[in-house]
Every structure is written in structure tokens, then in C-alpha cells.
N, C-alpha and C. Protein backbone atom coordinates (compact mmCIF):
# COMPACT_ATOMS: atom_id res chain seq x y z
N MET A 1 13.02 1.35 -9.32
CA MET A 1 13.72 2.61 -9.18
C MET A 1 13.69 3.34 -10.51
N SER A 2 13.37 4.61 -10.47
CA SER A 2 13.30 5.41 -11.68
C SER A 2 14.69 5.70 -12.21
N SER A 3 14.80 5.85 -13.53
CA SER A 3 16.10 6.14 -14.14
C SER A 3 16.34 7.64 -14.23
N ILE A 4 15.42 8.43 -13.76
CA ILE A 4 15.56 9.89 -13.79
C ILE A 4 16.63 10.31 -12.78
N ARG A 5 17.47 11.27 -13.18
CA ARG A 5 18.51 11.79 -12.28
C ARG A 5 17.90 12.89 -11.43
N LEU A 6 18.08 12.79 -10.14
CA LEU A 6 17.52 13.77 -9.22
C LEU A 6 18.64 14.61 -8.60
N ASP A 7 18.38 15.90 -8.50
CA ASP A 7 19.32 16.75 -7.78
C ASP A 7 18.67 17.17 -6.46
N ASP A 8 19.37 18.00 -5.71
CA ASP A 8 18.87 18.41 -4.39
C ASP A 8 17.54 19.15 -4.48
N ARG A 9 17.33 19.91 -5.54
CA ARG A 9 16.05 20.63 -5.68
C ARG A 9 14.91 19.66 -5.96
N ASP A 10 15.17 18.64 -6.78
CA ASP A 10 14.14 17.63 -7.02
C ASP A 10 13.74 16.95 -5.71
N ILE A 11 14.75 16.59 -4.91
CA ILE A 11 14.48 15.96 -3.62
C ILE A 11 13.69 16.91 -2.72
N ALA A 12 14.05 18.18 -2.74
CA ALA A 12 13.34 19.17 -1.93
C ALA A 12 11.88 19.30 -2.37
N ILE A 13 11.65 19.28 -3.68
CA ILE A 13 10.28 19.33 -4.19
C ILE A 13 9.50 18.11 -3.71
N LEU A 14 10.07 16.93 -3.88
CA LEU A 14 9.38 15.70 -3.46
C LEU A 14 9.13 15.70 -1.95
N ALA A 15 10.11 16.11 -1.17
CA ALA A 15 9.95 16.11 0.29
C ALA A 15 8.85 17.09 0.71
N THR A 16 8.84 18.26 0.11
CA THR A 16 7.81 19.26 0.46
C THR A 16 6.43 18.76 0.07
N LEU A 17 6.30 18.21 -1.13
CA LEU A 17 4.99 17.72 -1.58
C LEU A 17 4.52 16.53 -0.74
N SER A 18 5.45 15.70 -0.25
CA SER A 18 5.03 14.55 0.56
C SER A 18 4.50 15.00 1.92
N ARG A 19 4.93 16.16 2.37
CA ARG A 19 4.43 16.70 3.65
C ARG A 19 3.23 17.61 3.45
N GLU A 20 3.23 18.35 2.33
CA GLU A 20 2.22 19.39 2.10
C GLU A 20 1.72 19.34 0.67
N GLY A 21 0.91 18.36 0.35
CA GLY A 21 0.46 18.16 -1.02
C GLY A 21 -0.32 19.32 -1.61
N ARG A 22 -0.95 20.15 -0.75
CA ARG A 22 -1.76 21.25 -1.26
C ARG A 22 -1.02 22.57 -1.29
N ILE A 23 0.27 22.55 -1.13
CA ILE A 23 1.03 23.80 -1.15
C ILE A 23 0.87 24.50 -2.50
N ALA A 24 0.74 25.81 -2.46
CA ALA A 24 0.63 26.58 -3.70
C ALA A 24 1.95 26.46 -4.48
N LYS A 25 1.82 26.43 -5.77
CA LYS A 25 3.02 26.27 -6.61
C LYS A 25 4.03 27.38 -6.36
N THR A 26 3.56 28.60 -6.16
CA THR A 26 4.49 29.71 -5.90
C THR A 26 5.20 29.53 -4.56
N ASP A 27 4.48 29.02 -3.55
CA ASP A 27 5.10 28.75 -2.25
C ASP A 27 6.11 27.61 -2.36
N LEU A 28 5.77 26.60 -3.12
CA LEU A 28 6.70 25.49 -3.33
C LEU A 28 7.97 26.00 -4.01
N ALA A 29 7.81 26.80 -5.04
CA ALA A 29 8.96 27.35 -5.76
C ALA A 29 9.85 28.15 -4.81
N ALA A 30 9.25 28.96 -3.95
CA ALA A 30 10.03 29.76 -3.00
C ALA A 30 10.77 28.86 -2.02
N ARG A 31 10.13 27.80 -1.57
CA ARG A 31 10.76 26.89 -0.60
C ARG A 31 11.99 26.20 -1.16
N VAL A 32 11.98 25.91 -2.46
CA VAL A 32 13.09 25.16 -3.05
C VAL A 32 14.03 26.06 -3.86
N ASN A 33 13.85 27.39 -3.69
CA ASN A 33 14.74 28.37 -4.34
C ASN A 33 14.70 28.31 -5.86
N LEU A 34 13.51 28.25 -6.40
CA LEU A 34 13.32 28.28 -7.85
C LEU A 34 12.23 29.29 -8.18
N SER A 35 12.22 29.76 -9.41
CA SER A 35 11.08 30.57 -9.84
C SER A 35 9.95 29.60 -10.20
N PRO A 36 8.70 30.09 -10.23
CA PRO A 36 7.55 29.18 -10.42
C PRO A 36 7.60 28.32 -11.68
N THR A 37 7.99 28.88 -12.83
CA THR A 37 7.97 28.09 -14.07
C THR A 37 8.94 26.91 -14.03
N PRO A 38 10.22 27.10 -13.67
CA PRO A 38 11.11 25.93 -13.59
C PRO A 38 10.66 24.93 -12.53
N CYS A 39 10.09 25.42 -11.44
CA CYS A 39 9.59 24.51 -10.40
C CYS A 39 8.45 23.66 -10.95
N TRP A 40 7.52 24.30 -11.67
CA TRP A 40 6.39 23.60 -12.28
C TRP A 40 6.89 22.56 -13.28
N GLU A 41 7.89 22.92 -14.09
CA GLU A 41 8.44 21.99 -15.08
C GLU A 41 9.08 20.78 -14.39
N ARG A 42 9.76 21.01 -13.28
CA ARG A 42 10.35 19.90 -12.53
C ARG A 42 9.25 19.00 -11.96
N MET A 43 8.19 19.61 -11.40
CA MET A 43 7.08 18.81 -10.88
C MET A 43 6.49 17.92 -11.97
N LYS A 44 6.26 18.49 -13.14
CA LYS A 44 5.69 17.72 -14.25
C LYS A 44 6.63 16.58 -14.65
N ARG A 45 7.94 16.85 -14.66
CA ARG A 45 8.93 15.82 -15.00
C ARG A 45 8.90 14.71 -13.95
N LEU A 46 8.78 15.06 -12.68
CA LEU A 46 8.72 14.07 -11.60
C LEU A 46 7.43 13.25 -11.68
N GLU A 47 6.33 13.91 -12.04
CA GLU A 47 5.06 13.19 -12.22
C GLU A 47 5.17 12.22 -13.40
N LYS A 48 5.70 12.71 -14.52
CA LYS A 48 5.82 11.87 -15.72
C LYS A 48 6.72 10.66 -15.47
N ALA A 49 7.76 10.85 -14.66
CA ALA A 49 8.68 9.75 -14.34
C ALA A 49 8.07 8.76 -13.35
N GLY A 50 6.89 9.09 -12.81
CA GLY A 50 6.23 8.19 -11.87
C GLY A 50 6.69 8.34 -10.43
N LEU A 51 7.49 9.35 -10.14
CA LEU A 51 7.92 9.56 -8.76
C LEU A 51 6.83 10.19 -7.91
N ILE A 52 5.96 10.96 -8.53
CA ILE A 52 4.79 11.50 -7.84
C ILE A 52 3.59 10.73 -8.36
N ARG A 53 3.02 9.89 -7.50
CA ARG A 53 1.92 9.02 -7.94
C ARG A 53 0.56 9.67 -7.75
N GLY A 54 0.47 10.71 -6.94
CA GLY A 54 -0.81 11.36 -6.73
C GLY A 54 -0.74 12.32 -5.56
N TYR A 55 -1.85 12.99 -5.34
CA TYR A 55 -1.99 13.95 -4.26
C TYR A 55 -3.26 13.58 -3.51
N ARG A 56 -3.19 13.59 -2.20
CA ARG A 56 -4.39 13.26 -1.43
C ARG A 56 -4.40 13.98 -0.11
N ALA A 57 -5.57 14.05 0.46
CA ALA A 57 -5.73 14.70 1.77
C ALA A 57 -5.51 13.69 2.87
N GLU A 58 -4.96 14.14 3.97
CA GLU A 58 -4.80 13.31 5.16
C GLU A 58 -6.00 13.59 6.06
N ILE A 59 -6.86 12.60 6.21
CA ILE A 59 -8.12 12.75 6.93
C ILE A 59 -7.95 12.35 8.38
N ASP A 60 -8.48 13.17 9.30
CA ASP A 60 -8.46 12.84 10.72
C ASP A 60 -9.64 11.91 10.98
N LEU A 61 -9.38 10.61 10.97
CA LEU A 61 -10.47 9.63 11.14
C LEU A 61 -11.15 9.76 12.50
N ASN A 62 -10.41 10.15 13.53
CA ASN A 62 -11.02 10.32 14.85
C ASN A 62 -12.08 11.40 14.85
N ALA A 63 -11.89 12.45 14.07
CA ALA A 63 -12.87 13.52 13.97
C ALA A 63 -14.04 13.13 13.08
N LEU A 64 -13.82 12.15 12.21
CA LEU A 64 -14.84 11.76 11.24
C LEU A 64 -15.82 10.74 11.80
N ALA A 65 -15.30 9.66 12.39
CA ALA A 65 -16.17 8.58 12.85
C ALA A 65 -15.40 7.64 13.77
N ALA A 66 -16.16 6.90 14.55
CA ALA A 66 -15.55 5.86 15.38
C ALA A 66 -14.97 4.80 14.45
N HIS A 67 -13.81 4.27 14.80
CA HIS A 67 -13.17 3.26 13.97
C HIS A 67 -12.11 2.54 14.79
N VAL A 68 -11.63 1.43 14.24
CA VAL A 68 -10.46 0.75 14.79
C VAL A 68 -9.48 0.53 13.65
N GLN A 69 -8.22 0.65 13.99
CA GLN A 69 -7.15 0.39 13.04
C GLN A 69 -6.39 -0.83 13.56
N ILE A 70 -6.19 -1.80 12.68
CA ILE A 70 -5.56 -3.05 13.08
C ILE A 70 -4.46 -3.38 12.08
N PHE A 71 -3.31 -3.80 12.58
CA PHE A 71 -2.28 -4.37 11.74
C PHE A 71 -2.38 -5.88 11.87
N VAL A 72 -2.26 -6.58 10.76
CA VAL A 72 -2.46 -8.02 10.73
C VAL A 72 -1.29 -8.67 10.00
N THR A 73 -0.65 -9.63 10.67
CA THR A 73 0.35 -10.44 9.99
C THR A 73 -0.34 -11.68 9.48
N VAL A 74 0.00 -12.09 8.27
CA VAL A 74 -0.68 -13.20 7.61
C VAL A 74 0.35 -14.21 7.13
N GLU A 75 0.05 -15.47 7.37
CA GLU A 75 0.85 -16.58 6.84
C GLU A 75 -0.05 -17.39 5.93
N LEU A 76 0.42 -17.67 4.72
CA LEU A 76 -0.35 -18.46 3.77
C LEU A 76 -0.08 -19.95 3.96
N GLU A 77 -1.06 -20.77 3.56
CA GLU A 77 -0.92 -22.22 3.66
C GLU A 77 0.16 -22.75 2.72
N ASN A 78 0.19 -22.21 1.51
CA ASN A 78 1.14 -22.66 0.50
C ASN A 78 1.92 -21.48 -0.04
N HIS A 79 3.10 -21.75 -0.56
CA HIS A 79 3.99 -20.68 -0.99
C HIS A 79 4.37 -20.78 -2.46
N ARG A 80 3.41 -21.16 -3.29
CA ARG A 80 3.63 -21.14 -4.73
C ARG A 80 3.20 -19.77 -5.26
N ALA A 81 3.74 -19.38 -6.39
CA ALA A 81 3.44 -18.07 -6.96
C ALA A 81 1.94 -17.86 -7.11
N GLU A 82 1.22 -18.88 -7.53
CA GLU A 82 -0.23 -18.72 -7.72
C GLU A 82 -0.95 -18.45 -6.41
N ASN A 83 -0.45 -18.99 -5.28
CA ASN A 83 -1.07 -18.73 -3.98
C ASN A 83 -0.92 -17.26 -3.59
N PHE A 84 0.24 -16.70 -3.84
CA PHE A 84 0.46 -15.29 -3.54
C PHE A 84 -0.42 -14.42 -4.44
N GLN A 85 -0.52 -14.78 -5.71
CA GLN A 85 -1.33 -14.01 -6.65
C GLN A 85 -2.80 -14.03 -6.26
N ILE A 86 -3.32 -15.19 -5.85
CA ILE A 86 -4.73 -15.30 -5.44
C ILE A 86 -4.97 -14.43 -4.21
N PHE A 87 -4.10 -14.55 -3.21
CA PHE A 87 -4.25 -13.75 -2.00
C PHE A 87 -4.26 -12.26 -2.33
N GLU A 88 -3.32 -11.83 -3.15
CA GLU A 88 -3.20 -10.42 -3.47
C GLU A 88 -4.39 -9.90 -4.26
N ARG A 89 -4.95 -10.72 -5.14
CA ARG A 89 -6.16 -10.31 -5.87
C ARG A 89 -7.35 -10.15 -4.93
N ILE A 90 -7.49 -11.06 -3.99
CA ILE A 90 -8.60 -10.98 -3.03
C ILE A 90 -8.46 -9.76 -2.15
N ILE A 91 -7.26 -9.52 -1.64
CA ILE A 91 -7.01 -8.37 -0.77
C ILE A 91 -7.24 -7.06 -1.51
N ALA A 92 -6.87 -7.00 -2.78
CA ALA A 92 -7.03 -5.78 -3.57
C ALA A 92 -8.49 -5.33 -3.65
N ARG A 93 -9.42 -6.26 -3.49
CA ARG A 93 -10.85 -5.94 -3.57
C ARG A 93 -11.46 -5.58 -2.22
N MET A 94 -10.69 -5.64 -1.16
CA MET A 94 -11.22 -5.39 0.19
C MET A 94 -10.92 -3.94 0.58
N ASP A 95 -11.96 -3.11 0.58
CA ASP A 95 -11.78 -1.68 0.88
C ASP A 95 -11.26 -1.44 2.29
N GLU A 96 -11.57 -2.32 3.21
CA GLU A 96 -11.12 -2.14 4.60
C GLU A 96 -9.61 -2.31 4.74
N VAL A 97 -9.00 -3.02 3.81
CA VAL A 97 -7.55 -3.19 3.83
C VAL A 97 -6.95 -1.97 3.15
N THR A 98 -6.35 -1.09 3.96
CA THR A 98 -5.82 0.17 3.44
C THR A 98 -4.35 0.08 3.08
N GLY A 99 -3.70 -0.99 3.46
CA GLY A 99 -2.31 -1.21 3.09
C GLY A 99 -2.00 -2.69 3.21
N CYS A 100 -1.18 -3.20 2.33
CA CYS A 100 -0.77 -4.60 2.41
C CYS A 100 0.60 -4.73 1.78
N TRP A 101 1.50 -5.34 2.52
CA TRP A 101 2.88 -5.47 2.08
C TRP A 101 3.32 -6.92 2.19
N ALA A 102 3.98 -7.43 1.14
CA ALA A 102 4.64 -8.73 1.23
C ALA A 102 5.91 -8.50 2.04
N ILE A 103 6.16 -9.36 3.00
CA ILE A 103 7.30 -9.16 3.90
C ILE A 103 8.14 -10.43 4.00
N GLY A 104 9.39 -10.26 4.35
CA GLY A 104 10.27 -11.39 4.59
C GLY A 104 10.25 -11.71 6.08
N GLY A 105 10.69 -12.88 6.43
CA GLY A 105 10.69 -13.27 7.83
C GLY A 105 9.68 -14.35 8.08
N GLY A 106 9.09 -14.35 9.24
CA GLY A 106 8.18 -15.42 9.65
C GLY A 106 6.80 -15.37 9.04
N TYR A 107 6.40 -14.22 8.52
CA TYR A 107 5.07 -14.08 7.94
C TYR A 107 5.19 -13.71 6.47
N ASP A 108 4.09 -13.85 5.76
CA ASP A 108 4.10 -13.55 4.33
C ASP A 108 3.65 -12.12 4.03
N TYR A 109 2.71 -11.60 4.81
CA TYR A 109 2.15 -10.28 4.55
C TYR A 109 1.91 -9.53 5.85
N LEU A 110 1.95 -8.21 5.74
CA LEU A 110 1.51 -7.32 6.80
C LEU A 110 0.41 -6.46 6.19
N MET A 111 -0.76 -6.47 6.83
CA MET A 111 -1.89 -5.70 6.33
C MET A 111 -2.26 -4.63 7.34
N GLN A 112 -2.72 -3.51 6.82
CA GLN A 112 -3.31 -2.46 7.64
C GLN A 112 -4.80 -2.45 7.33
N VAL A 113 -5.62 -2.55 8.37
CA VAL A 113 -7.06 -2.65 8.20
C VAL A 113 -7.73 -1.56 9.04
N ILE A 114 -8.72 -0.89 8.47
CA ILE A 114 -9.52 0.08 9.21
C ILE A 114 -10.98 -0.29 9.04
N THR A 115 -11.66 -0.52 10.17
CA THR A 115 -13.08 -0.84 10.17
C THR A 115 -13.79 0.00 11.23
N GLY A 116 -15.11 -0.05 11.21
CA GLY A 116 -15.89 0.72 12.17
C GLY A 116 -15.76 0.22 13.59
N ASP A 117 -15.59 -1.09 13.75
CA ASP A 117 -15.47 -1.66 15.09
C ASP A 117 -14.84 -3.05 15.00
N ILE A 118 -14.62 -3.66 16.15
CA ILE A 118 -13.98 -4.98 16.20
C ILE A 118 -14.85 -6.04 15.53
N ALA A 119 -16.16 -5.93 15.71
CA ALA A 119 -17.06 -6.92 15.09
C ALA A 119 -16.92 -6.89 13.56
N ALA A 120 -16.82 -5.70 12.99
CA ALA A 120 -16.66 -5.59 11.53
C ALA A 120 -15.31 -6.17 11.11
N PHE A 121 -14.27 -5.95 11.91
CA PHE A 121 -12.96 -6.52 11.61
C PHE A 121 -13.04 -8.05 11.64
N GLN A 122 -13.68 -8.61 12.67
CA GLN A 122 -13.77 -10.06 12.79
C GLN A 122 -14.57 -10.66 11.63
N SER A 123 -15.61 -9.97 11.21
CA SER A 123 -16.39 -10.42 10.06
C SER A 123 -15.54 -10.42 8.79
N LEU A 124 -14.74 -9.39 8.62
CA LEU A 124 -13.83 -9.32 7.48
C LEU A 124 -12.86 -10.49 7.49
N MET A 125 -12.27 -10.77 8.65
CA MET A 125 -11.30 -11.85 8.74
C MET A 125 -11.96 -13.22 8.57
N ASP A 126 -13.17 -13.38 9.09
CA ASP A 126 -13.90 -14.64 8.89
C ASP A 126 -14.12 -14.87 7.40
N GLY A 127 -14.52 -13.81 6.69
CA GLY A 127 -14.71 -13.92 5.24
C GLY A 127 -13.42 -14.25 4.52
N LEU A 128 -12.33 -13.66 4.97
CA LEU A 128 -11.03 -13.95 4.35
C LEU A 128 -10.65 -15.40 4.57
N LEU A 129 -10.87 -15.92 5.76
CA LEU A 129 -10.55 -17.31 6.06
C LEU A 129 -11.41 -18.28 5.26
N GLU A 130 -12.65 -17.90 4.99
CA GLU A 130 -13.56 -18.76 4.23
C GLU A 130 -13.34 -18.66 2.73
N SER A 131 -12.63 -17.66 2.29
CA SER A 131 -12.40 -17.45 0.86
C SER A 131 -11.30 -18.39 0.36
N ARG A 132 -10.97 -18.23 -0.91
CA ARG A 132 -9.88 -19.01 -1.51
C ARG A 132 -8.53 -18.35 -1.30
N ALA A 133 -8.42 -17.42 -0.35
CA ALA A 133 -7.19 -16.65 -0.16
C ALA A 133 -6.03 -17.51 0.35
N GLY A 134 -6.32 -18.63 0.98
CA GLY A 134 -5.26 -19.53 1.42
C GLY A 134 -4.55 -19.11 2.70
N VAL A 135 -5.27 -18.42 3.58
CA VAL A 135 -4.66 -17.98 4.84
C VAL A 135 -4.55 -19.16 5.80
N ARG A 136 -3.35 -19.43 6.26
CA ARG A 136 -3.13 -20.47 7.27
C ARG A 136 -3.44 -19.92 8.66
N ARG A 137 -2.85 -18.78 8.96
CA ARG A 137 -3.11 -18.14 10.26
C ARG A 137 -2.81 -16.66 10.15
N TYR A 138 -3.38 -15.92 11.09
CA TYR A 138 -3.11 -14.49 11.14
C TYR A 138 -3.05 -14.06 12.60
N TYR A 139 -2.35 -12.98 12.81
CA TYR A 139 -2.28 -12.36 14.14
C TYR A 139 -2.65 -10.90 13.98
N SER A 140 -3.52 -10.41 14.85
CA SER A 140 -3.98 -9.03 14.73
C SER A 140 -3.45 -8.20 15.90
N TYR A 141 -3.14 -6.95 15.58
CA TYR A 141 -2.59 -5.99 16.54
C TYR A 141 -3.41 -4.72 16.44
N ILE A 142 -4.19 -4.42 17.45
CA ILE A 142 -5.06 -3.26 17.44
C ILE A 142 -4.26 -2.03 17.84
N VAL A 143 -4.38 -0.98 17.05
CA VAL A 143 -3.69 0.27 17.34
C VAL A 143 -4.44 0.96 18.47
N THR A 144 -3.75 1.25 19.56
CA THR A 144 -4.36 1.94 20.70
C THR A 144 -4.15 3.45 20.63
N LYS A 145 -3.04 3.88 20.01
CA LYS A 145 -2.84 5.31 19.75
C LYS A 145 -1.71 5.46 18.74
N PRO A 146 -1.85 6.43 17.87
CA PRO A 146 -0.75 6.69 16.95
C PRO A 146 0.39 7.39 17.70
N VAL A 147 1.61 7.00 17.43
CA VAL A 147 2.76 7.61 18.08
C VAL A 147 3.50 8.49 17.08
N LYS A 148 3.64 8.01 15.85
CA LYS A 148 4.33 8.80 14.83
C LYS A 148 3.80 8.41 13.46
N GLU A 149 3.42 9.41 12.70
CA GLU A 149 2.99 9.22 11.32
C GLU A 149 3.52 10.40 10.52
N THR A 150 4.56 10.18 9.76
CA THR A 150 5.14 11.26 8.98
C THR A 150 5.51 10.77 7.59
N ALA A 151 5.75 11.72 6.72
CA ALA A 151 6.26 11.39 5.38
C ALA A 151 7.71 10.93 5.54
N PRO A 152 8.20 10.10 4.64
CA PRO A 152 9.58 9.64 4.73
C PRO A 152 10.57 10.79 4.57
N ALA A 153 11.70 10.69 5.23
CA ALA A 153 12.77 11.68 5.11
C ALA A 153 13.54 11.40 3.83
N LEU A 154 13.07 11.97 2.74
CA LEU A 154 13.60 11.66 1.40
C LEU A 154 15.08 11.99 1.26
N ALA A 155 15.53 13.02 1.92
CA ALA A 155 16.95 13.39 1.81
C ALA A 155 17.85 12.28 2.33
N LEU A 156 17.36 11.47 3.25
CA LEU A 156 18.15 10.36 3.78
C LEU A 156 18.24 9.19 2.81
N LEU A 157 17.32 9.14 1.85
CA LEU A 157 17.28 8.03 0.89
C LEU A 157 18.14 8.29 -0.34
N LYS A 158 18.51 9.52 -0.54
CA LYS A 158 19.28 9.88 -1.74
C LYS A 158 20.65 9.22 -1.67
N GLY A 159 20.99 8.50 -2.74
CA GLY A 159 22.24 7.74 -2.82
C GLY A 159 23.42 8.60 -2.79
């Protein structure tokens, strides 16, 4: 958690940028009731504090190419710190893994994987099982359709 103090305008800037990263600075300033210079200074302060990690485009993969999106729960064979570190280093090098989270509960990790087809996904998982990653078992869940994908409601997170 950042030690920077945020007010309602900071939250509004972050919320707007999380939904519309390419918004013009003047439009952003108007949306949050600031003039452009103070708005720009706040953005720079939020970036410097590490609250804004980057800006990126949201790509419509369906329009781009055929693909499958799979969520995978992973359980490791061993639960020593070095086992988690090895797994995480291996996953970090796999471009098909677009998200990976350590989770509590019955599994150790939840991964998001995007590949061209099921055969490519299975090849990826076979390679993971053969590697030193230490995977005991995994369960895969193929996404059949997106239902909701939005930026987080930042105003709800403010303490």
C-alpha cells in the first residue's frame, strides 16, 4: 500500500484512467473538476508513487485471431519457499500465461492462459509438468464467453 494520501480527485483521476487510459489530459482535467496543469501534476505524483504502473490498450482478441482463454488452478507438490520461487520464475517466462496469482484455499495458484487453440494449451501444460516447476496437479477451466470485464470500482476501495 502506498503511503501517499489520496483525496477524492486523486481517486477520480485513477478511476478515469483505469477505464480510459488514452483520455486527453484536458478531458481528464474537466472530468475531475481541475484545470489541466494541477491535473497533470497529480497524475505525475500518482505515477511517481507507483499507483499508476502503466498505460495499455485493451485488444479485442476475437477480432484479432482465433484463441482460447483458460483459467488454471495449480497445486504444487511441495510447499517450501523455494518451491514457490521456482514455480513463479518458470511461469514468469511463459508468454501464454497472462496472469498468475498466489491464492489461499485448496490450490496454490490461479493462472490465466491464452493460446491459439486447445492443442497449444495442452502442449504448454505438458511442458510445465515436465519442468522443475513442481506441479502436483492442475485443473483447467475454458472460458466459453466473457460475462464481465471492467476496471475495479476504485471509489469502493477508498478507506
